[in-house]
Amino acid sequence: MRIDIWSDVVCPWCYIGKRRLESALADFPHADQVEVVWHSYQLDPGAPSEPTESVAEHLGRKYGGGPTAGSQMIDRVEAVAAEEGLVYRLHQAQRANTVDAHRLLHLAFDQGGPATQGRLKESLLAAYFVEARNVADHDVLRKLATGAGLDPTRVDEVLAGDAYAAEVQADIDRAHAYGSSGVPFFVIDGRYGVSGAQPAEAFGDVLRRAWSEREPSLQMVGGDDVCGPDGCDV
């Protein structure tokens, strides 16, 4: 069974949703047969590569209320993240562009499949939310990518050009085609769409339902006029 996930590496609910899905998979008896593939989505494609403002400042400017209101938004999401064992440092994080991070995630999939891509995805999320690092900085990206097992030479080639930019946009277009207007967005086995960081129990329900539909149960018809160890119906 395959799970396709659209998310951004600076989306706080995406990391929370990742942890909740992982909790559901930990209780799912067929987890070893589940493949997780990550897809690109940019919440803020106009964000600069060189940070110019904090997340709190950006949120306050975008939604109103200034940095104080932005800080209150951060406090709320950090409290939810803590419930999933994530210690966010969003007060120290900077607004940053994520296109290069997404391009490297496509490279990771090409070089090592879902496992390598998954390692890089976790590293990128942790770098931004837990370590408050700039995930637009090429030095940071290079260290994270090579640490996840990517070939250093190929990483430098991708960062120096625009490789996988078309794939990033194709992912975004596909999410829109599905009708998704935000992330995280999960597609379970190509048949169930789950929007948002749902509770682990909700993910578990969808996983079980999707799995049962892969191997439909036998529907019994009738029941009389059969023979068994004790004889035949007459």
C-alpha atoms as a PDB file:
ATOM      1  CA  MET A   1       0.000   0.000   0.000  1.00  0.00           C
ATOM      2  CA  ARG A   2       1.265   3.460  -0.867  1.00  0.00           C
ATOM      3  CA  ILE A   3       0.772   6.758   0.949  1.00  0.00           C
ATOM      4  CA  ASP A   4       1.449   9.953  -1.007  1.00  0.00           C
ATOM      5  CA  ILE A   5       1.936  13.060   1.112  1.00  0.00           C
ATOM      6  CA  TRP A   6       2.041  16.686   0.000  1.00  0.00           C
ATOM      7  CA  SER A   7       3.734  19.005   2.478  1.00  0.00           C
ATOM      8  CA  ASP A   8       6.141  21.890   2.900  1.00  0.00           C
ATOM      9  CA  VAL A   9       9.240  21.753   5.088  1.00  0.00           C
ATOM     10  CA  VAL A  10       8.219  24.999   6.827  1.00  0.00           C
ATOM     11  CA  CYS A  11       4.637  23.903   7.514  1.00  0.00           C
ATOM     12  CA  PRO A  12       4.187  23.323  11.282  1.00  0.00           C
ATOM     13  CA  TRP A  13       1.117  21.132  10.829  1.00  0.00           C
ATOM     14  CA  CYS A  14       2.972  18.985   8.288  1.00  0.00           C
ATOM     15  CA  TYR A  15       5.498  17.854  10.905  1.00  0.00           C
ATOM     16  CA  ILE A  16       2.709  17.240  13.408  1.00  0.00           C
ATOM     17  CA  GLY A  17       0.780  15.291  10.778  1.00  0.00           C
ATOM     18  CA  LYS A  18       3.869  13.232   9.992  1.00  0.00           C
ATOM     19  CA  ARG A  19       4.203  12.209  13.633  1.00  0.00           C
ATOM     20  CA  ARG A  20       0.518  11.346  13.900  1.00  0.00           C
ATOM     21  CA  LEU A  21       0.673   9.185  10.779  1.00  0.00           C
ATOM     22  CA  GLU A  22       3.763   7.456  12.172  1.00  0.00           C
ATOM     23  CA  SER A  23       1.865   6.737  15.381  1.00  0.00           C
ATOM     24  CA  ALA A  24      -0.949   5.177  13.344  1.00  0.00           C
ATOM     25  CA  LEU A  25       1.510   3.099  11.336  1.00  0.00           C
ATOM     26  CA  ALA A  26       3.150   1.854  14.551  1.00  0.00           C
ATOM     27  CA  ASP A  27      -0.163   0.170  15.407  1.00  0.00           C
ATOM     28  CA  PHE A  28      -0.933  -0.952  11.858  1.00  0.00           C
ATOM     29  CA  PRO A  29      -0.230  -4.677  11.403  1.00  0.00           C
ATOM     30  CA  HIS A  30       0.769  -4.278   7.744  1.00  0.00           C
ATOM     31  CA  ALA A  31       3.092  -1.294   8.211  1.00  0.00           C
ATOM     32  CA  ASP A  32       6.009  -3.195   6.700  1.00  0.00           C
ATOM     33  CA  GLN A  33       4.078  -3.255   3.429  1.00  0.00           C
ATOM     34  CA  VAL A  34       3.380   0.490   3.366  1.00  0.00           C
ATOM     35  CA  GLU A  35       5.424   2.820   1.151  1.00  0.00           C
ATOM     36  CA  VAL A  36       5.453   6.549   1.911  1.00  0.00           C
ATOM     37  CA  VAL A  37       6.274   9.022  -0.878  1.00  0.00           C
ATOM     38  CA  TRP A  38       6.653  12.758  -0.264  1.00  0.00           C
ATOM     39  CA  HIS A  39       5.511  15.421  -2.714  1.00  0.00           C
ATOM     40  CA  SER A  40       6.326  19.101  -2.965  1.00  0.00           C
ATOM     41  CA  TYR A  41       4.131  22.003  -1.930  1.00  0.00           C
ATOM     42  CA  GLN A  42       5.137  25.610  -1.271  1.00  0.00           C
ATOM     43  CA  LEU A  43       3.098  27.592   1.210  1.00  0.00           C
ATOM     44  CA  ASP A  44       5.142  30.736   0.584  1.00  0.00           C
ATOM     45  CA  PRO A  45       6.775  30.589  -2.867  1.00  0.00           C
ATOM     46  CA  GLY A  46       7.618  34.281  -2.633  1.00  0.00           C
ATOM     47  CA  ALA A  47       9.727  33.841   0.501  1.00  0.00           C
ATOM     48  CA  PRO A  48      13.346  34.973   0.113  1.00  0.00           C
ATOM     49  CA  SER A  49      16.370  32.684   0.113  1.00  0.00           C
ATOM     50  CA  GLU A  50      18.066  35.137   2.458  1.00  0.00           C
ATOM     51  CA  PRO A  51      15.802  35.559   5.510  1.00  0.00           C
ATOM     52  CA  THR A  52      14.648  39.103   6.187  1.00  0.00           C
ATOM     53  CA  GLU A  53      12.115  38.544   8.972  1.00  0.00           C
ATOM     54  CA  SER A  54      11.177  36.095  11.687  1.00  0.00           C
ATOM     55  CA  VAL A  55       8.218  33.742  11.424  1.00  0.00           C
ATOM     56  CA  ALA A  56       6.403  35.773  14.089  1.00  0.00           C
ATOM     57  CA  GLU A  57       6.928  38.986  12.149  1.00  0.00           C
ATOM     58  CA  HIS A  58       5.744  37.387   8.927  1.00  0.00           C
ATOM     59  CA  LEU A  59       2.612  35.891  10.513  1.00  0.00           C
ATOM     60  CA  GLY A  60       1.754  39.168  12.208  1.00  0.00           C
ATOM     61  CA  ARG A  61       2.147  41.063   8.958  1.00  0.00           C
ATOM     62  CA  LYS A  62       0.182  38.509   6.920  1.00  0.00           C
ATOM     63  CA  TYR A  63      -2.741  38.028   9.296  1.00  0.00           C
ATOM     64  CA  GLY A  64      -2.620  41.291  11.216  1.00  0.00           C
ATOM     65  CA  GLY A  65      -1.700  42.158  14.774  1.00  0.00           C
ATOM     66  CA  GLY A  66       2.041  42.500  14.315  1.00  0.00           C
ATOM     67  CA  PRO A  67       4.755  40.348  15.905  1.00  0.00           C
ATOM     68  CA  THR A  68       2.782  39.947  19.128  1.00  0.00           C
ATOM     69  CA  ALA A  69      -0.102  38.267  17.316  1.00  0.00           C
ATOM     70  CA  GLY A  70       2.393  36.201  15.332  1.00  0.00           C
ATOM     71  CA  SER A  71       4.027  35.029  18.555  1.00  0.00           C
ATOM     72  CA  GLN A  72       0.658  33.990  19.953  1.00  0.00           C
ATOM     73  CA  MET A  73      -0.002  31.873  16.846  1.00  0.00           C
ATOM     74  CA  ILE A  74       3.385  30.227  17.324  1.00  0.00           C
ATOM     75  CA  ASP A  75       2.654  29.524  20.988  1.00  0.00           C
ATOM     76  CA  ARG A  76      -0.525  27.691  20.057  1.00  0.00           C
ATOM     77  CA  VAL A  77       1.039  25.457  17.418  1.00  0.00           C
ATOM     78  CA  GLU A  78       4.090  24.765  19.587  1.00  0.00           C
ATOM     79  CA  ALA A  79       1.791  23.494  22.345  1.00  0.00           C
ATOM     80  CA  VAL A  80       0.160  21.057  19.911  1.00  0.00           C
ATOM     81  CA  ALA A  81       3.548  19.953  18.582  1.00  0.00           C
ATOM     82  CA  ALA A  82       4.726  19.231  22.119  1.00  0.00           C
ATOM     83  CA  GLU A  83       1.872  16.750  22.506  1.00  0.00           C
ATOM     84  CA  GLU A  84       3.469  14.770  19.654  1.00  0.00           C
ATOM     85  CA  GLY A  85       6.932  14.920  21.231  1.00  0.00           C
ATOM     86  CA  LEU A  86       8.153  17.766  19.015  1.00  0.00           C
ATOM     87  CA  VAL A  87       9.939  20.708  20.632  1.00  0.00           C
ATOM     88  CA  TYR A  88       9.527  23.544  18.149  1.00  0.00           C
ATOM     89  CA  ARG A  89      11.738  26.643  18.117  1.00  0.00           C
ATOM     90  CA  LEU A  90       9.574  28.685  15.801  1.00  0.00           C
ATOM     91  CA  HIS A  91      10.234  31.863  17.761  1.00  0.00           C
ATOM     92  CA  GLN A  92      13.818  31.648  16.522  1.00  0.00           C
ATOM     93  CA  ALA A  93      12.959  30.489  12.982  1.00  0.00           C
ATOM     94  CA  GLN A  94      13.151  32.746   9.944  1.00  0.00           C
ATOM     95  CA  ARG A  95      10.884  32.959   6.922  1.00  0.00           C
ATOM     96  CA  ALA A  96      12.660  31.083   4.117  1.00  0.00           C
ATOM     97  CA  ASN A  97      12.077  29.796   0.596  1.00  0.00           C
ATOM     98  CA  THR A  98      11.794  26.024   0.246  1.00  0.00           C
ATOM     99  CA  VAL A  99      12.074  25.325  -3.486  1.00  0.00           C
ATOM    100  CA  ASP A 100      15.678  24.088  -3.238  1.00  0.00           C
ATOM    101  CA  ALA A 101      14.780  21.796  -0.353  1.00  0.00           C
ATOM    102  CA  HIS A 102      11.991  20.302  -2.463  1.00  0.00           C
ATOM    103  CA  ARG A 103      14.291  19.855  -5.437  1.00  0.00           C
ATOM    104  CA  LEU A 104      16.660  17.867  -3.231  1.00  0.00           C
ATOM    105  CA  LEU A 105      13.775  15.711  -2.004  1.00  0.00           C
ATOM    106  CA  HIS A 106      13.132  14.737  -5.620  1.00  0.00           C
ATOM    107  CA  LEU A 107      16.822  13.925  -6.026  1.00  0.00           C
ATOM    108  CA  ALA A 108      16.660  11.825  -2.861  1.00  0.00           C
ATOM    109  CA  PHE A 109      13.797   9.784  -4.279  1.00  0.00           C
ATOM    110  CA  ASP A 110      15.647   9.227  -7.550  1.00  0.00           C
ATOM    111  CA  GLN A 111      18.846   8.186  -5.785  1.00  0.00           C
ATOM    112  CA  GLY A 112      17.499   6.050  -2.967  1.00  0.00           C
ATOM    113  CA  GLY A 113      13.742   5.695  -3.254  1.00  0.00           C
ATOM    114  CA  PRO A 114      11.215   6.344  -0.453  1.00  0.00           C
ATOM    115  CA  ALA A 115      13.600   5.379   2.369  1.00  0.00           C
ATOM    116  CA  THR A 116      16.260   7.946   1.432  1.00  0.00           C
ATOM    117  CA  GLN A 117      13.647  10.567   0.663  1.00  0.00           C
ATOM    118  CA  GLY A 118      12.046   9.930   4.049  1.00  0.00           C
ATOM    119  CA  ARG A 119      15.356  10.423   5.863  1.00  0.00           C
ATOM    120  CA  LEU A 120      15.931  13.748   4.139  1.00  0.00           C
ATOM    121  CA  LYS A 121      12.356  14.886   4.792  1.00  0.00           C
ATOM    122  CA  GLU A 122      12.747  14.230   8.519  1.00  0.00           C
ATOM    123  CA  SER A 123      16.106  16.013   8.552  1.00  0.00           C
ATOM    124  CA  LEU A 124      14.683  19.076   6.817  1.00  0.00           C
ATOM    125  CA  LEU A 125      11.715  19.315   9.166  1.00  0.00           C
ATOM    126  CA  ALA A 126      13.876  18.881  12.239  1.00  0.00           C
ATOM    127  CA  ALA A 127      16.386  21.438  10.966  1.00  0.00           C
ATOM    128  CA  TYR A 128      13.717  24.080  10.551  1.00  0.00           C
ATOM    129  CA  PHE A 129      11.396  23.452  13.471  1.00  0.00           C
ATOM    130  CA  VAL A 130      13.662  21.974  16.141  1.00  0.00           C
ATOM    131  CA  GLU A 131      16.987  23.629  15.272  1.00  0.00           C
ATOM    132  CA  ALA A 132      15.683  26.887  13.723  1.00  0.00           C
ATOM    133  CA  ARG A 133      18.085  26.576  10.784  1.00  0.00           C
ATOM    134  CA  ASN A 134      17.702  28.284   7.414  1.00  0.00           C
ATOM    135  CA  VAL A 135      16.480  25.591   5.010  1.00  0.00           C
ATOM    136  CA  ALA A 136      17.099  27.901   2.055  1.00  0.00           C
ATOM    137  CA  ASP A 137      20.830  28.093   2.791  1.00  0.00           C
ATOM    138  CA  HIS A 138      22.793  25.870   0.431  1.00  0.00           C
ATOM    139  CA  ASP A 139      25.408  24.979   3.043  1.00  0.00           C
ATOM    140  CA  VAL A 140      22.662  23.761   5.371  1.00  0.00           C
ATOM    141  CA  LEU A 141      20.940  21.873   2.570  1.00  0.00           C
ATOM    142  CA  ARG A 142      24.195  20.266   1.454  1.00  0.00           C
ATOM    143  CA  LYS A 143      24.918  18.940   4.949  1.00  0.00           C
ATOM    144  CA  LEU A 144      21.398  17.607   5.397  1.00  0.00           C
ATOM    145  CA  ALA A 145      21.309  15.972   1.974  1.00  0.00           C
ATOM    146  CA  THR A 146      24.687  14.257   2.245  1.00  0.00           C
ATOM    147  CA  GLY A 147      23.836  13.216   5.794  1.00  0.00           C
ATOM    148  CA  ALA A 148      20.756  11.465   4.412  1.00  0.00           C
ATOM    149  CA  GLY A 149      22.946   9.521   1.988  1.00  0.00           C
ATOM    150  CA  LEU A 150      22.781  11.595  -1.204  1.00  0.00           C
ATOM    151  CA  ASP A 151      25.789  11.802  -3.500  1.00  0.00           C
ATOM    152  CA  PRO A 152      27.655  15.063  -2.676  1.00  0.00           C
ATOM    153  CA  THR A 153      28.580  15.794  -6.289  1.00  0.00           C
ATOM    154  CA  ARG A 154      25.004  15.389  -7.471  1.00  0.00           C
ATOM    155  CA  VAL A 155      23.731  17.530  -4.593  1.00  0.00           C
ATOM    156  CA  ASP A 156      26.047  20.362  -5.654  1.00  0.00           C
ATOM    157  CA  GLU A 157      24.924  20.011  -9.268  1.00  0.00           C
ATOM    158  CA  VAL A 158      21.261  20.265  -8.311  1.00  0.00           C
ATOM    159  CA  LEU A 159      21.807  23.249  -6.040  1.00  0.00           C
ATOM    160  CA  ALA A 160      23.833  25.037  -8.721  1.00  0.00           C
ATOM    161  CA  GLY A 161      21.072  24.783 -11.317  1.00  0.00           C
ATOM    162  CA  ASP A 162      17.329  24.313 -11.616  1.00  0.00           C
ATOM    163  CA  ALA A 163      17.087  20.521 -11.815  1.00  0.00           C
ATOM    164  CA  TYR A 164      13.751  19.136 -10.552  1.00  0.00           C
ATOM    165  CA  ALA A 165      12.098  22.556 -10.597  1.00  0.00           C
ATOM    166  CA  ALA A 166       9.563  21.211 -13.090  1.00  0.00           C
ATOM    167  CA  GLU A 167       8.890  18.206 -10.845  1.00  0.00           C
ATOM    168  CA  VAL A 168       8.273  20.493  -7.881  1.00  0.00           C
ATOM    169  CA  GLN A 169       5.706  22.481  -9.856  1.00  0.00           C
ATOM    170  CA  ALA A 170       4.114  19.285 -11.166  1.00  0.00           C
ATOM    171  CA  ASP A 171       3.609  18.108  -7.589  1.00  0.00           C
ATOM    172  CA  ILE A 172       1.933  21.395  -6.690  1.00  0.00           C
ATOM    173  CA  ASP A 173      -0.293  21.225  -9.768  1.00  0.00           C
ATOM    174  CA  ARG A 174      -1.277  17.655  -8.925  1.00  0.00           C
ATOM    175  CA  ALA A 175      -2.299  18.657  -5.407  1.00  0.00           C
ATOM    176  CA  HIS A 176      -4.512  21.370  -6.858  1.00  0.00           C
ATOM    177  CA  ALA A 177      -5.992  18.866  -9.299  1.00  0.00           C
ATOM    178  CA  TYR A 178      -6.944  16.682  -6.347  1.00  0.00           C
ATOM    179  CA  GLY A 179      -8.788  19.677  -4.924  1.00  0.00           C
ATOM    180  CA  SER A 180      -6.317  20.351  -2.130  1.00  0.00           C
ATOM    181  CA  SER A 181      -5.774  23.987  -1.197  1.00  0.00           C
ATOM    182  CA  GLY A 182      -3.373  23.390   1.687  1.00  0.00           C
ATOM    183  CA  VAL A 183      -1.092  20.927   3.404  1.00  0.00           C
ATOM    184  CA  PRO A 184      -0.540  18.417   4.817  1.00  0.00           C
ATOM    185  CA  PHE A 185      -2.548  16.415   2.323  1.00  0.00           C
ATOM    186  CA  PHE A 186      -2.432  12.613   2.298  1.00  0.00           C
ATOM    187  CA  VAL A 187      -3.622  10.197  -0.394  1.00  0.00           C
ATOM    188  CA  ILE A 188      -3.972   6.668   0.958  1.00  0.00           C
ATOM    189  CA  ASP A 189      -3.511   3.967  -1.672  1.00  0.00           C
ATOM    190  CA  GLY A 190      -4.834   6.242  -4.400  1.00  0.00           C
ATOM    191  CA  ARG A 191      -8.406   6.118  -3.080  1.00  0.00           C
ATOM    192  CA  TYR A 192      -8.687   8.129   0.144  1.00  0.00           C
ATOM    193  CA  GLY A 193      -7.717  11.770   0.540  1.00  0.00           C
ATOM    194  CA  VAL A 194      -7.016  13.061   4.037  1.00  0.00           C
ATOM    195  CA  SER A 195      -6.642  16.794   4.546  1.00  0.00           C
ATOM    196  CA  GLY A 196      -4.826  18.186   7.556  1.00  0.00           C
ATOM    197  CA  ALA A 197      -2.944  16.759  10.531  1.00  0.00           C
ATOM    198  CA  GLN A 198      -5.702  14.396  11.633  1.00  0.00           C
ATOM    199  CA  PRO A 199      -5.450  12.449  14.922  1.00  0.00           C
ATOM    200  CA  ALA A 200      -3.585   9.149  14.788  1.00  0.00           C
ATOM    201  CA  GLU A 201      -6.869   7.311  15.333  1.00  0.00           C
ATOM    202  CA  ALA A 202      -8.333   8.846  12.162  1.00  0.00           C
ATOM    203  CA  PHE A 203      -5.290   7.804  10.156  1.00  0.00           C
ATOM    204  CA  GLY A 204      -5.577   4.325  11.604  1.00  0.00           C
ATOM    205  CA  ASP A 205      -9.208   4.037  10.521  1.00  0.00           C
ATOM    206  CA  VAL A 206      -8.384   5.040   6.949  1.00  0.00           C
ATOM    207  CA  LEU A 207      -5.395   2.683   6.794  1.00  0.00           C
ATOM    208  CA  ARG A 208      -7.499  -0.268   7.900  1.00  0.00           C
ATOM    209  CA  ARG A 209     -10.303   0.593   5.508  1.00  0.00           C
ATOM    210  CA  ALA A 210      -7.949   0.985   2.559  1.00  0.00           C
ATOM    211  CA  TRP A 211      -6.196  -2.279   3.382  1.00  0.00           C
ATOM    212  CA  SER A 212      -9.450  -4.217   3.665  1.00  0.00           C
ATOM    213  CA  GLU A 213     -10.469  -2.992   0.225  1.00  0.00           C
ATOM    214  CA  ARG A 214      -7.268  -4.388  -1.257  1.00  0.00           C
ATOM    215  CA  GLU A 215      -8.305  -7.875  -0.142  1.00  0.00           C
ATOM    216  CA  PRO A 216     -12.112  -7.913  -0.074  1.00  0.00           C
ATOM    217  CA  SER A 217     -13.710 -10.456   2.210  1.00  0.00           C
ATOM    218  CA  LEU A 218     -15.598 -13.392   0.696  1.00  0.00           C
ATOM    219  CA  GLN A 219     -19.331 -12.836   0.598  1.00  0.00           C
ATOM    220  CA  MET A 220     -21.229 -16.050   1.439  1.00  0.00           C
ATOM    221  CA  VAL A 221     -24.430 -16.874  -0.428  1.00  0.00           C
ATOM    222  CA  GLY A 222     -26.738 -19.684   0.694  1.00  0.00           C
ATOM    223  CA  GLY A 223     -25.837 -22.222   3.356  1.00  0.00           C
ATOM    224  CA  ASP A 224     -28.005 -25.338   2.873  1.00  0.00           C
ATOM    225  CA  ASP A 225     -27.538 -28.482   0.782  1.00  0.00           C
ATOM    226  CA  VAL A 226     -23.892 -29.101   1.702  1.00  0.00           C
ATOM    227  CA  CYS A 227     -21.908 -32.083   2.939  1.00  0.00           C
ATOM    228  CA  GLY A 228     -19.486 -32.014   5.854  1.00  0.00           C
ATOM    229  CA  PRO A 229     -17.625 -34.371   8.235  1.00  0.00           C
ATOM    230  CA  ASP A 230     -20.898 -35.195   9.974  1.00  0.00           C
ATOM    231  CA  GLY A 231     -22.781 -36.010   6.782  1.00  0.00           C
ATOM    232  CA  CYS A 232     -24.925 -34.244   4.232  1.00  0.00           C
ATOM    233  CA  ASP A 233     -28.024 -32.094   4.455  1.00  0.00           C
ATOM    234  CA  VAL A 234     -30.949 -34.169   3.210  1.00  0.00           C
END
